Amino acid sequence: MPLTVETLMGKMPAAFLPEKAPGLDAAIQFKFTGAEAGDWFATIKDDKCTVEKGTHPNPKMTLAADSSDYVKIFTGELDGMQAFMQGKIKLSGDLNLAMKLMTMFKIR
């Protein structure tokens, strides 16, 4: 079964490592284009992460990417930093949060 954005977003709450984000209270907006175009957001608060489809009214950070590139980052086929440098991932808002994002989740 191929990995999809929907599957990845659904796994985020269980992969969240609260000890890596003590006291964080933030919403992260994900805007995907391509085959699985759509909007999702993750809310991190009280040592928990929840994920919903849709647009958050006040995200602390926004990540925009082609859905297939996002999946490739999580499968190790594409380096997240390289993707950012190549313009495949666009970030706005709190860029420090973007840097912490990869450490806050257990990626297999």
PDB file of N, CA and C in Angstrom:
ATOM      1  N   MET A   1       0.847  -1.183   0.000  1.00  0.00           N
ATOM      2  CA  MET A   1       0.000   0.000   0.000  1.00  0.00           C
ATOM      3  C   MET A   1       0.890   1.242   0.000  1.00  0.00           C
ATOM      4  N   PRO A   2       0.739   2.107  -0.983  1.00  0.00           N
ATOM      5  CA  PRO A   2       1.593   3.295  -1.026  1.00  0.00           C
ATOM      6  C   PRO A   2       1.280   4.261   0.115  1.00  0.00           C
ATOM      7  N   LEU A   3       2.314   4.912   0.593  1.00  0.00           N
ATOM      8  CA  LEU A   3       2.159   5.892   1.660  1.00  0.00           C
ATOM      9  C   LEU A   3       1.516   7.148   1.083  1.00  0.00           C
ATOM     10  N   THR A   4       0.535   7.685   1.787  1.00  0.00           N
ATOM     11  CA  THR A   4      -0.170   8.875   1.313  1.00  0.00           C
ATOM     12  C   THR A   4      -0.061   9.984   2.355  1.00  0.00           C
ATOM     13  N   VAL A   5      -0.367  11.195   1.928  1.00  0.00           N
ATOM     14  CA  VAL A   5      -0.390  12.326   2.864  1.00  0.00           C
ATOM     15  C   VAL A   5      -1.415  12.054   3.961  1.00  0.00           C
ATOM     16  N   GLU A   6      -2.559  11.522   3.583  1.00  0.00           N
ATOM     17  CA  GLU A   6      -3.609  11.253   4.578  1.00  0.00           C
ATOM     18  C   GLU A   6      -3.103  10.277   5.644  1.00  0.00           C
ATOM     19  N   THR A   7      -2.391   9.230   5.218  1.00  0.00           N
ATOM     20  CA  THR A   7      -1.828   8.264   6.160  1.00  0.00           C
ATOM     21  C   THR A   7      -0.804   8.933   7.066  1.00  0.00           C
ATOM     22  N   LEU A   8       0.102   9.725   6.465  1.00  0.00           N
ATOM     23  CA  LEU A   8       1.126  10.421   7.252  1.00  0.00           C
ATOM     24  C   LEU A   8       0.511  11.363   8.275  1.00  0.00           C
ATOM     25  N   MET A   9      -0.453  12.158   7.843  1.00  0.00           N
ATOM     26  CA  MET A   9      -1.078  13.113   8.756  1.00  0.00           C
ATOM     27  C   MET A   9      -1.798  12.373   9.885  1.00  0.00           C
ATOM     28  N   GLY A  10      -2.398  11.236   9.557  1.00  0.00           N
ATOM     29  CA  GLY A  10      -3.085  10.444  10.571  1.00  0.00           C
ATOM     30  C   GLY A  10      -2.151   9.846  11.606  1.00  0.00           C
ATOM     31  N   LYS A  11      -0.894   9.623  11.213  1.00  0.00           N
ATOM     32  CA  LYS A  11       0.087   9.029  12.128  1.00  0.00           C
ATOM     33  C   LYS A  11       0.790  10.068  13.005  1.00  0.00           C
ATOM     34  N   MET A  12       0.651  11.340  12.665  1.00  0.00           N
ATOM     35  CA  MET A  12       1.364  12.384  13.409  1.00  0.00           C
ATOM     36  C   MET A  12       1.108  12.373  14.917  1.00  0.00           C
ATOM     37  N   PRO A  13      -0.145  12.290  15.370  1.00  0.00           N
ATOM     38  CA  PRO A  13      -0.367  12.327  16.832  1.00  0.00           C
ATOM     39  C   PRO A  13       0.374  11.217  17.576  1.00  0.00           C
ATOM     40  N   ALA A  14       0.393  10.005  17.031  1.00  0.00           N
ATOM     41  CA  ALA A  14       1.067   8.888  17.704  1.00  0.00           C
ATOM     42  C   ALA A  14       2.582   9.002  17.621  1.00  0.00           C
ATOM     43  N   ALA A  15       3.090   9.701  16.602  1.00  0.00           N
ATOM     44  CA  ALA A  15       4.541   9.849  16.421  1.00  0.00           C
ATOM     45  C   ALA A  15       5.101  11.044  17.191  1.00  0.00           C
ATOM     46  N   PHE A  16       4.215  11.854  17.768  1.00  0.00           N
ATOM     47  CA  PHE A  16       4.645  13.059  18.477  1.00  0.00           C
ATOM     48  C   PHE A  16       5.437  12.698  19.726  1.00  0.00           C
ATOM     49  N   LEU A  17       6.552  13.397  19.936  1.00  0.00           N
ATOM     50  CA  LEU A  17       7.407  13.191  21.107  1.00  0.00           C
ATOM     51  C   LEU A  17       7.298  14.434  22.006  1.00  0.00           C
ATOM     52  N   PRO A  18       6.388  14.421  22.987  1.00  0.00           N
ATOM     53  CA  PRO A  18       6.150  15.614  23.802  1.00  0.00           C
ATOM     54  C   PRO A  18       7.389  16.119  24.541  1.00  0.00           C
ATOM     55  N   GLU A  19       8.308  15.218  24.875  1.00  0.00           N
ATOM     56  CA  GLU A  19       9.522  15.650  25.581  1.00  0.00           C
ATOM     57  C   GLU A  19      10.423  16.527  24.700  1.00  0.00           C
ATOM     58  N   LYS A  20      10.201  16.498  23.391  1.00  0.00           N
ATOM     59  CA  LYS A  20      10.983  17.331  22.466  1.00  0.00           C
ATOM     60  C   LYS A  20      10.332  18.697  22.238  1.00  0.00           C
ATOM     61  N   ALA A  21       9.149  18.898  22.807  1.00  0.00           N
ATOM     62  CA  ALA A  21       8.429  20.164  22.605  1.00  0.00           C
ATOM     63  C   ALA A  21       7.783  20.638  23.900  1.00  0.00           C
ATOM     64  N   PRO A  22       8.575  20.755  24.968  1.00  0.00           N
ATOM     65  CA  PRO A  22       7.979  21.140  26.256  1.00  0.00           C
ATOM     66  C   PRO A  22       7.361  22.541  26.213  1.00  0.00           C
ATOM     67  N   GLY A  23       6.121  22.626  26.653  1.00  0.00           N
ATOM     68  CA  GLY A  23       5.441  23.914  26.736  1.00  0.00           C
ATOM     69  C   GLY A  23       5.014  24.519  25.403  1.00  0.00           C
ATOM     70  N   LEU A  24       5.205  23.802  24.311  1.00  0.00           N
ATOM     71  CA  LEU A  24       4.855  24.360  23.003  1.00  0.00           C
ATOM     72  C   LEU A  24       3.341  24.464  22.850  1.00  0.00           C
ATOM     73  N   ASP A  25       2.898  25.587  22.340  1.00  0.00           N
ATOM     74  CA  ASP A  25       1.491  25.826  22.037  1.00  0.00           C
ATOM     75  C   ASP A  25       1.483  26.458  20.644  1.00  0.00           C
ATOM     76  N   ALA A  26       1.251  25.634  19.623  1.00  0.00           N
ATOM     77  CA  ALA A  26       1.362  26.135  18.256  1.00  0.00           C
ATOM     78  C   ALA A  26       0.488  25.342  17.295  1.00  0.00           C
ATOM     79  N   ALA A  27       0.038  26.033  16.259  1.00  0.00           N
ATOM     80  CA  ALA A  27      -0.666  25.370  15.163  1.00  0.00           C
ATOM     81  C   ALA A  27       0.235  25.458  13.932  1.00  0.00           C
ATOM     82  N   ILE A  28       0.326  24.348  13.218  1.00  0.00           N
ATOM     83  CA  ILE A  28       1.147  24.289  12.008  1.00  0.00           C
ATOM     84  C   ILE A  28       0.224  23.958  10.844  1.00  0.00           C
ATOM     85  N   GLN A  29       0.204  24.841   9.869  1.00  0.00           N
ATOM     86  CA  GLN A  29      -0.645  24.664   8.686  1.00  0.00           C
ATOM     87  C   GLN A  29       0.157  23.949   7.600  1.00  0.00           C
ATOM     88  N   PHE A  30      -0.459  22.957   6.977  1.00  0.00           N
ATOM     89  CA  PHE A  30       0.143  22.242   5.852  1.00  0.00           C
ATOM     90  C   PHE A  30      -0.723  22.497   4.627  1.00  0.00           C
ATOM     91  N   LYS A  31      -0.107  22.981   3.547  1.00  0.00           N
ATOM     92  CA  LYS A  31      -0.818  23.226   2.296  1.00  0.00           C
ATOM     93  C   LYS A  31      -0.176  22.358   1.231  1.00  0.00           C
ATOM     94  N   PHE A  32      -0.922  21.354   0.782  1.00  0.00           N
ATOM     95  CA  PHE A  32      -0.380  20.420  -0.200  1.00  0.00           C
ATOM     96  C   PHE A  32      -0.953  20.684  -1.582  1.00  0.00           C
ATOM     97  N   THR A  33      -0.085  20.560  -2.579  1.00  0.00           N
ATOM     98  CA  THR A  33      -0.493  20.641  -3.979  1.00  0.00           C
ATOM     99  C   THR A  33      -0.231  19.277  -4.600  1.00  0.00           C
ATOM    100  N   GLY A  34      -0.557  19.124  -5.852  1.00  0.00           N
ATOM    101  CA  GLY A  34      -0.273  17.865  -6.543  1.00  0.00           C
ATOM    102  C   GLY A  34      -1.382  16.855  -6.395  1.00  0.00           C
ATOM    103  N   ALA A  35      -1.002  15.579  -6.436  1.00  0.00           N
ATOM    104  CA  ALA A  35      -1.965  14.482  -6.453  1.00  0.00           C
ATOM    105  C   ALA A  35      -2.887  14.466  -5.235  1.00  0.00           C
ATOM    106  N   GLU A  36      -2.371  14.855  -4.088  1.00  0.00           N
ATOM    107  CA  GLU A  36      -3.178  14.869  -2.862  1.00  0.00           C
ATOM    108  C   GLU A  36      -3.318  16.292  -2.335  1.00  0.00           C
ATOM    109  N   ALA A  37      -3.737  17.183  -3.195  1.00  0.00           N
ATOM    110  CA  ALA A  37      -3.888  18.591  -2.808  1.00  0.00           C
ATOM    111  C   ALA A  37      -4.892  18.714  -1.668  1.00  0.00           C
ATOM    112  N   GLY A  38      -4.587  19.607  -0.742  1.00  0.00           N
ATOM    113  CA  GLY A  38      -5.503  19.843   0.368  1.00  0.00           C
ATOM    114  C   GLY A  38      -4.814  20.547   1.509  1.00  0.00           C
ATOM    115  N   ASP A  39      -5.600  20.998   2.468  1.00  0.00           N
ATOM    116  CA  ASP A  39      -5.101  21.703   3.642  1.00  0.00           C
ATOM    117  C   ASP A  39      -5.315  20.848   4.888  1.00  0.00           C
ATOM    118  N   TRP A  40      -4.303  20.833   5.730  1.00  0.00           N
ATOM    119  CA  TRP A  40      -4.332  20.128   7.006  1.00  0.00           C
ATOM    120  C   TRP A  40      -3.674  21.033   8.036  1.00  0.00           C
ATOM    121  N   PHE A  41      -3.980  20.817   9.300  1.00  0.00           N
ATOM    122  CA  PHE A  41      -3.213  21.509  10.335  1.00  0.00           C
ATOM    123  C   PHE A  41      -3.035  20.620  11.547  1.00  0.00           C
ATOM    124  N   ALA A  42      -1.867  20.813  12.179  1.00  0.00           N
ATOM    125  CA  ALA A  42      -1.547  20.102  13.412  1.00  0.00           C
ATOM    126  C   ALA A  42      -1.530  21.125  14.533  1.00  0.00           C
ATOM    127  N   THR A  43      -2.158  20.787  15.641  1.00  0.00           N
ATOM    128  CA  THR A  43      -2.151  21.642  16.819  1.00  0.00           C
ATOM    129  C   THR A  43      -1.361  20.926  17.905  1.00  0.00           C
ATOM    130  N   ILE A  44      -0.355  21.610  18.421  1.00  0.00           N
ATOM    131  CA  ILE A  44       0.454  21.056  19.506  1.00  0.00           C
ATOM    132  C   ILE A  44       0.200  21.919  20.736  1.00  0.00           C
ATOM    133  N   LYS A  45      -0.347  21.277  21.767  1.00  0.00           N
ATOM    134  CA  LYS A  45      -0.696  21.989  22.994  1.00  0.00           C
ATOM    135  C   LYS A  45      -0.844  20.974  24.123  1.00  0.00           C
ATOM    136  N   ASP A  46      -0.411  21.370  25.308  1.00  0.00           N
ATOM    137  CA  ASP A  46      -0.523  20.503  26.494  1.00  0.00           C
ATOM    138  C   ASP A  46       0.095  19.124  26.265  1.00  0.00           C
ATOM    139  N   ASP A  47       1.269  19.104  25.629  1.00  0.00           N
ATOM    140  CA  ASP A  47       2.013  17.863  25.363  1.00  0.00           C
ATOM    141  C   ASP A  47       1.256  16.874  24.483  1.00  0.00           C
ATOM    142  N   LYS A  48       0.354  17.380  23.646  1.00  0.00           N
ATOM    143  CA  LYS A  48      -0.399  16.517  22.726  1.00  0.00           C
ATOM    144  C   LYS A  48      -0.393  17.138  21.338  1.00  0.00           C
ATOM    145  N   CYS A  49      -0.559  16.276  20.351  1.00  0.00           N
ATOM    146  CA  CYS A  49      -0.649  16.733  18.969  1.00  0.00           C
ATOM    147  C   CYS A  49      -1.952  16.194  18.380  1.00  0.00           C
ATOM    148  N   THR A  50      -2.728  17.086  17.778  1.00  0.00           N
ATOM    149  CA  THR A  50      -3.937  16.670  17.068  1.00  0.00           C
ATOM    150  C   THR A  50      -3.809  17.162  15.634  1.00  0.00           C
ATOM    151  N   VAL A  51      -4.434  16.447  14.722  1.00  0.00           N
ATOM    152  CA  VAL A  51      -4.370  16.791  13.301  1.00  0.00           C
ATOM    153  C   VAL A  51      -5.779  16.821  12.738  1.00  0.00           C
ATOM    154  N   GLU A  52      -6.058  17.844  11.948  1.00  0.00           N
ATOM    155  CA  GLU A  52      -7.368  17.971  11.313  1.00  0.00           C
ATOM    156  C   GLU A  52      -7.212  18.427   9.876  1.00  0.00           C
ATOM    157  N   LYS A  53      -8.192  18.077   9.054  1.00  0.00           N
ATOM    158  CA  LYS A  53      -8.254  18.609   7.700  1.00  0.00           C
ATOM    159  C   LYS A  53      -8.808  20.020   7.790  1.00  0.00           C
ATOM    160  N   GLY A  54      -8.299  20.897   6.930  1.00  0.00           N
ATOM    161  CA  GLY A  54      -8.841  22.241   6.894  1.00  0.00           C
ATOM    162  C   GLY A  54      -7.776  23.294   7.115  1.00  0.00           C
ATOM    163  N   THR A  55      -8.239  24.513   7.366  1.00  0.00           N
ATOM    164  CA  THR A  55      -7.356  25.658   7.525  1.00  0.00           C
ATOM    165  C   THR A  55      -7.489  26.211   8.940  1.00  0.00           C
ATOM    166  N   HIS A  56      -6.353  26.398   9.601  1.00  0.00           N
ATOM    167  CA  HIS A  56      -6.342  26.977  10.946  1.00  0.00           C
ATOM    168  C   HIS A  56      -6.420  28.494  10.822  1.00  0.00           C
ATOM    169  N   PRO A  57      -7.184  29.174  11.698  1.00  0.00           N
ATOM    170  CA  PRO A  57      -7.322  30.632  11.581  1.00  0.00           C
ATOM    171  C   PRO A  57      -6.053  31.411  11.909  1.00  0.00           C
ATOM    172  N   ASN A  58      -5.137  30.837  12.702  1.00  0.00           N
ATOM    173  CA  ASN A  58      -3.966  31.593  13.122  1.00  0.00           C
ATOM    174  C   ASN A  58      -2.753  30.674  13.330  1.00  0.00           C
ATOM    175  N   PRO A  59      -2.236  30.066  12.254  1.00  0.00           N
ATOM    176  CA  PRO A  59      -1.101  29.151  12.444  1.00  0.00           C
ATOM    177  C   PRO A  59       0.180  29.902  12.791  1.00  0.00           C
ATOM    178  N   LYS A  60       1.014  29.257  13.571  1.00  0.00           N
ATOM    179  CA  LYS A  60       2.314  29.839  13.929  1.00  0.00           C
ATOM    180  C   LYS A  60       3.309  29.660  12.780  1.00  0.00           C
ATOM    181  N   MET A  61       3.082  28.618  11.968  1.00  0.00           N
ATOM    182  CA  MET A  61       3.949  28.329  10.836  1.00  0.00           C
ATOM    183  C   MET A  61       3.124  27.662   9.733  1.00  0.00           C
ATOM    184  N   THR A  62       3.491  27.916   8.491  1.00  0.00           N
ATOM    185  CA  THR A  62       2.833  27.269   7.360  1.00  0.00           C
ATOM    186  C   THR A  62       3.891  26.578   6.503  1.00  0.00           C
ATOM    187  N   LEU A  63       3.607  25.335   6.148  1.00  0.00           N
ATOM    188  CA  LEU A  63       4.465  24.558   5.268  1.00  0.00           C
ATOM    189  C   LEU A  63       3.671  24.261   4.010  1.00  0.00           C
ATOM    190  N   ALA A  64       4.219  24.623   2.853  1.00  0.00           N
ATOM    191  CA  ALA A  64       3.565  24.346   1.576  1.00  0.00           C
ATOM    192  C   ALA A  64       4.482  23.459   0.750  1.00  0.00           C
ATOM    193  N   ALA A  65       3.932  22.388   0.182  1.00  0.00           N
ATOM    194  CA  ALA A  65       4.736  21.457  -0.603  1.00  0.00           C
ATOM    195  C   ALA A  65       3.849  20.623  -1.502  1.00  0.00           C
ATOM    196  N   ASP A  66       4.459  20.059  -2.537  1.00  0.00           N
ATOM    197  CA  ASP A  66       3.765  19.063  -3.347  1.00  0.00           C
ATOM    198  C   ASP A  66       3.598  17.824  -2.475  1.00  0.00           C
ATOM    199  N   SER A  67       2.447  17.209  -2.524  1.00  0.00           N
ATOM    200  CA  SER A  67       2.168  16.068  -1.652  1.00  0.00           C
ATOM    201  C   SER A  67       3.175  14.935  -1.850  1.00  0.00           C
ATOM    202  N   SER A  68       3.610  14.682  -3.082  1.00  0.00           N
ATOM    203  CA  SER A  68       4.552  13.581  -3.316  1.00  0.00           C
ATOM    204  C   SER A  68       5.924  13.900  -2.714  1.00  0.00           C
ATOM    205  N   ASP A  69       6.350  15.166  -2.742  1.00  0.00           N
ATOM    206  CA  ASP A  69       7.628  15.540  -2.119  1.00  0.00           C
ATOM    207  C   ASP A  69       7.556  15.364  -0.605  1.00  0.00           C
ATOM    208  N   TYR A  70       6.424  15.709  -0.008  1.00  0.00           N
ATOM    209  CA  TYR A  70       6.253  15.571   1.438  1.00  0.00           C
ATOM    210  C   TYR A  70       6.371  14.098   1.843  1.00  0.00           C
ATOM    211  N   VAL A  71       5.738  13.228   1.079  1.00  0.00           N
ATOM    212  CA  VAL A  71       5.819  11.787   1.358  1.00  0.00           C
ATOM    213  C   VAL A  71       7.267  11.308   1.211  1.00  0.00           C
ATOM    214  N   LYS A  72       7.967  11.789   0.194  1.00  0.00           N
ATOM    215  CA  LYS A  72       9.363  11.381  -0.034  1.00  0.00           C
ATOM    216  C   LYS A  72      10.270  11.792   1.118  1.00  0.00           C
ATOM    217  N   ILE A  73       9.984  12.921   1.760  1.00  0.00           N
ATOM    218  CA  ILE A  73      10.784  13.340   2.912  1.00  0.00           C
ATOM    219  C   ILE A  73      10.634  12.320   4.033  1.00  0.00           C
ATOM    220  N   PHE A  74       9.427  11.846   4.240  1.00  0.00           N
ATOM    221  CA  PHE A  74       9.180  10.906   5.332  1.00  0.00           C
ATOM    222  C   PHE A  74       9.645   9.495   5.034  1.00  0.00           C
ATOM    223  N   THR A  75       9.833   9.166   3.759  1.00  0.00           N
ATOM    224  CA  THR A  75      10.343   7.838   3.416  1.00  0.00           C
ATOM    225  C   THR A  75      11.859   7.862   3.261  1.00  0.00           C
ATOM    226  N   GLY A  76      12.459   9.052   3.390  1.00  0.00           N
ATOM    227  CA  GLY A  76      13.902   9.157   3.289  1.00  0.00           C
ATOM    228  C   GLY A  76      14.417   9.323   1.865  1.00  0.00           C
ATOM    229  N   GLU A  77      13.517   9.387   0.890  1.00  0.00           N
ATOM    230  CA  GLU A  77      13.927   9.559  -0.506  1.00  0.00           C
ATOM    231  C   GLU A  77      14.364  10.987  -0.803  1.00  0.00           C
ATOM    232  N   LEU A  78      13.935  11.929   0.021  1.00  0.00           N
ATOM    233  CA  LEU A  78      14.242  13.332  -0.193  1.00  0.00           C
ATOM    234  C   LEU A  78      14.622  13.953   1.147  1.00  0.00           C
ATOM    235  N   ASP A  79      15.739  14.647   1.194  1.00  0.00           N
ATOM    236  CA  ASP A  79      16.180  15.322   2.408  1.00  0.00           C
ATOM    237  C   ASP A  79      15.366  16.602   2.591  1.00  0.00           C
ATOM    238  N   GLY A  80      14.805  16.790   3.771  1.00  0.00           N
ATOM    239  CA  GLY A  80      13.954  17.944   4.037  1.00  0.00           C
ATOM    240  C   GLY A  80      14.661  19.274   3.837  1.00  0.00           C
ATOM    241  N   MET A  81      15.908  19.367   4.293  1.00  0.00           N
ATOM    242  CA  MET A  81      16.656  20.612   4.142  1.00  0.00           C
ATOM    243  C   MET A  81      16.956  20.886   2.667  1.00  0.00           C
ATOM    244  N   GLN A  82      17.324  19.845   1.928  1.00  0.00           N
ATOM    245  CA  GLN A  82      17.581  20.016   0.490  1.00  0.00           C
ATOM    246  C   GLN A  82      16.311  20.445  -0.229  1.00  0.00           C
ATOM    247  N   ALA A  83      15.197  19.836   0.154  1.00  0.00           N
ATOM    248  CA  ALA A  83      13.918  20.185  -0.476  1.00  0.00           C
ATOM    249  C   ALA A  83      13.594  21.654  -0.241  1.00  0.00           C
ATOM    250  N   PHE A  84      13.875  22.135   0.966  1.00  0.00           N
ATOM    251  CA  PHE A  84      13.649  23.546   1.283  1.00  0.00           C
ATOM    252  C   PHE A  84      14.565  24.429   0.431  1.00  0.00           C
ATOM    253  N   MET A  85      15.834  24.065   0.366  1.00  0.00           N
ATOM    254  CA  MET A  85      16.808  24.855  -0.399  1.00  0.00           C
ATOM    255  C   MET A  85      16.468  24.882  -1.896  1.00  0.00           C
ATOM    256  N   GLN A  86      15.869  23.799  -2.387  1.00  0.00           N
ATOM    257  CA  GLN A  86      15.505  23.703  -3.808  1.00  0.00           C
ATOM    258  C   GLN A  86      14.147  24.341  -4.093  1.00  0.00           C
ATOM    259  N   GLY A  87      13.495  24.854  -3.041  1.00  0.00           N
ATOM    260  CA  GLY A  87      12.198  25.483  -3.228  1.00  0.00           C
ATOM    261  C   GLY A  87      11.038  24.513  -3.336  1.00  0.00           C
ATOM    262  N   LYS A  88      11.270  23.238  -3.017  1.00  0.00           N
ATOM    263  CA  LYS A  88      10.197  22.234  -3.072  1.00  0.00           C
ATOM    264  C   LYS A  88       9.299  22.338  -1.854  1.00  0.00           C
ATOM    265  N   ILE A  89       9.840  22.889  -0.777  1.00  0.00           N
ATOM    266  CA  ILE A  89       9.061  23.148   0.438  1.00  0.00           C
ATOM    267  C   ILE A  89       9.161  24.641   0.704  1.00  0.00           C
ATOM    268  N   LYS A  90       8.030  25.251   0.932  1.00  0.00           N
ATOM    269  CA  LYS A  90       8.012  26.679   1.259  1.00  0.00           C
ATOM    270  C   LYS A  90       7.499  26.826   2.693  1.00  0.00           C
ATOM    271  N   LEU A  91       8.219  27.626   3.464  1.00  0.00           N
ATOM    272  CA  LEU A  91       7.862  27.831   4.861  1.00  0.00           C
ATOM    273  C   LEU A  91       7.593  29.307   5.104  1.00  0.00           C
ATOM    274  N   SER A  92       6.620  29.578   5.954  1.00  0.00           N
ATOM    275  CA  SER A  92       6.383  30.954   6.379  1.00  0.00           C
ATOM    276  C   SER A  92       5.993  30.930   7.849  1.00  0.00           C
ATOM    277  N   GLY A  93       6.211  32.046   8.505  1.00  0.00           N
ATOM    278  CA  GLY A  93       5.920  32.116   9.932  1.00  0.00           C
ATOM    279  C   GLY A  93       7.164  31.839  10.753  1.00  0.00           C
ATOM    280  N   ASP A  94       7.011  31.091  11.829  1.00  0.00           N
ATOM    281  CA  ASP A  94       8.084  30.808  12.781  1.00  0.00           C
ATOM    282  C   ASP A  94       9.036  29.751  12.221  1.00  0.00           C
ATOM    283  N   LEU A  95      10.156  30.183  11.651  1.00  0.00           N
ATOM    284  CA  LEU A  95      11.096  29.245  11.040  1.00  0.00           C
ATOM    285  C   LEU A  95      11.847  28.422  12.084  1.00  0.00           C
ATOM    286  N   ASN A  96      11.973  28.933  13.313  1.00  0.00           N
ATOM    287  CA  ASN A  96      12.572  28.127  14.379  1.00  0.00           C
ATOM    288  C   ASN A  96      11.714  26.890  14.653  1.00  0.00           C
ATOM    289  N   LEU A  97      10.423  27.058  14.574  1.00  0.00           N
ATOM    290  CA  LEU A  97       9.512  25.935  14.755  1.00  0.00           C
ATOM    291  C   LEU A  97       9.714  24.910  13.643  1.00  0.00           C
ATOM    292  N   ALA A  98       9.943  25.373  12.439  1.00  0.00           N
ATOM    293  CA  ALA A  98      10.191  24.473  11.308  1.00  0.00           C
ATOM    294  C   ALA A  98      11.420  23.609  11.569  1.00  0.00           C
ATOM    295  N   MET A  99      12.454  24.209  12.127  1.00  0.00           N
ATOM    296  CA  MET A  99      13.678  23.458  12.408  1.00  0.00           C
ATOM    297  C   MET A  99      13.432  22.383  13.469  1.00  0.00           C
ATOM    298  N   LYS A 100      12.571  22.668  14.435  1.00  0.00           N
ATOM    299  CA  LYS A 100      12.280  21.717  15.511  1.00  0.00           C
ATOM    300  C   LYS A 100      11.329  20.614  15.061  1.00  0.00           C
ATOM    301  N   LEU A 101      10.581  20.898  14.010  1.00  0.00           N
ATOM    302  CA  LEU A 101       9.524  19.978  13.576  1.00  0.00           C
ATOM    303  C   LEU A 101      10.027  18.552  13.364  1.00  0.00           C
ATOM    304  N   MET A 102      11.177  18.415  12.718  1.00  0.00           N
ATOM    305  CA  MET A 102      11.691  17.077  12.416  1.00  0.00           C
ATOM    306  C   MET A 102      12.105  16.321  13.680  1.00  0.00           C
ATOM    307  N   THR A 103      12.459  17.028  14.749  1.00  0.00           N
ATOM    308  CA  THR A 103      12.866  16.344  15.973  1.00  0.00           C
ATOM    309  C   THR A 103      11.674  16.025  16.877  1.00  0.00           C
ATOM    310  N   MET A 104      10.542  16.670  16.637  1.00  0.00           N
ATOM    311  CA  MET A 104       9.376  16.483  17.512  1.00  0.00           C
ATOM    312  C   MET A 104       8.568  15.230  17.173  1.00  0.00           C
ATOM    313  N   PHE A 105       8.923  14.565  16.076  1.00  0.00           N
ATOM    314  CA  PHE A 105       8.160  13.388  15.652  1.00  0.00           C
ATOM    315  C   PHE A 105       9.105  12.230  15.392  1.00  0.00           C
ATOM    316  N   LYS A 106       8.675  11.054  15.813  1.00  0.00           N
ATOM    317  CA  LYS A 106       9.454   9.846  15.576  1.00  0.00           C
ATOM    318  C   LYS A 106       9.144   9.406  14.151  1.00  0.00           C
ATOM    319  N   ILE A 107      10.141   9.505  13.293  1.00  0.00           N
ATOM    320  CA  ILE A 107       9.947   9.141  11.884  1.00  0.00           C
ATOM    321  C   ILE A 107      10.587   7.775  11.653  1.00  0.00           C
ATOM    322  N   ARG A 108       9.828   6.886  11.062  1.00  0.00           N
ATOM    323  CA  ARG A 108      10.355   5.541  10.797  1.00  0.00           C
ATOM    324  C   ARG A 108      10.738   5.410   9.358  1.00  0.00           C
TER     325      ARG A 108
END
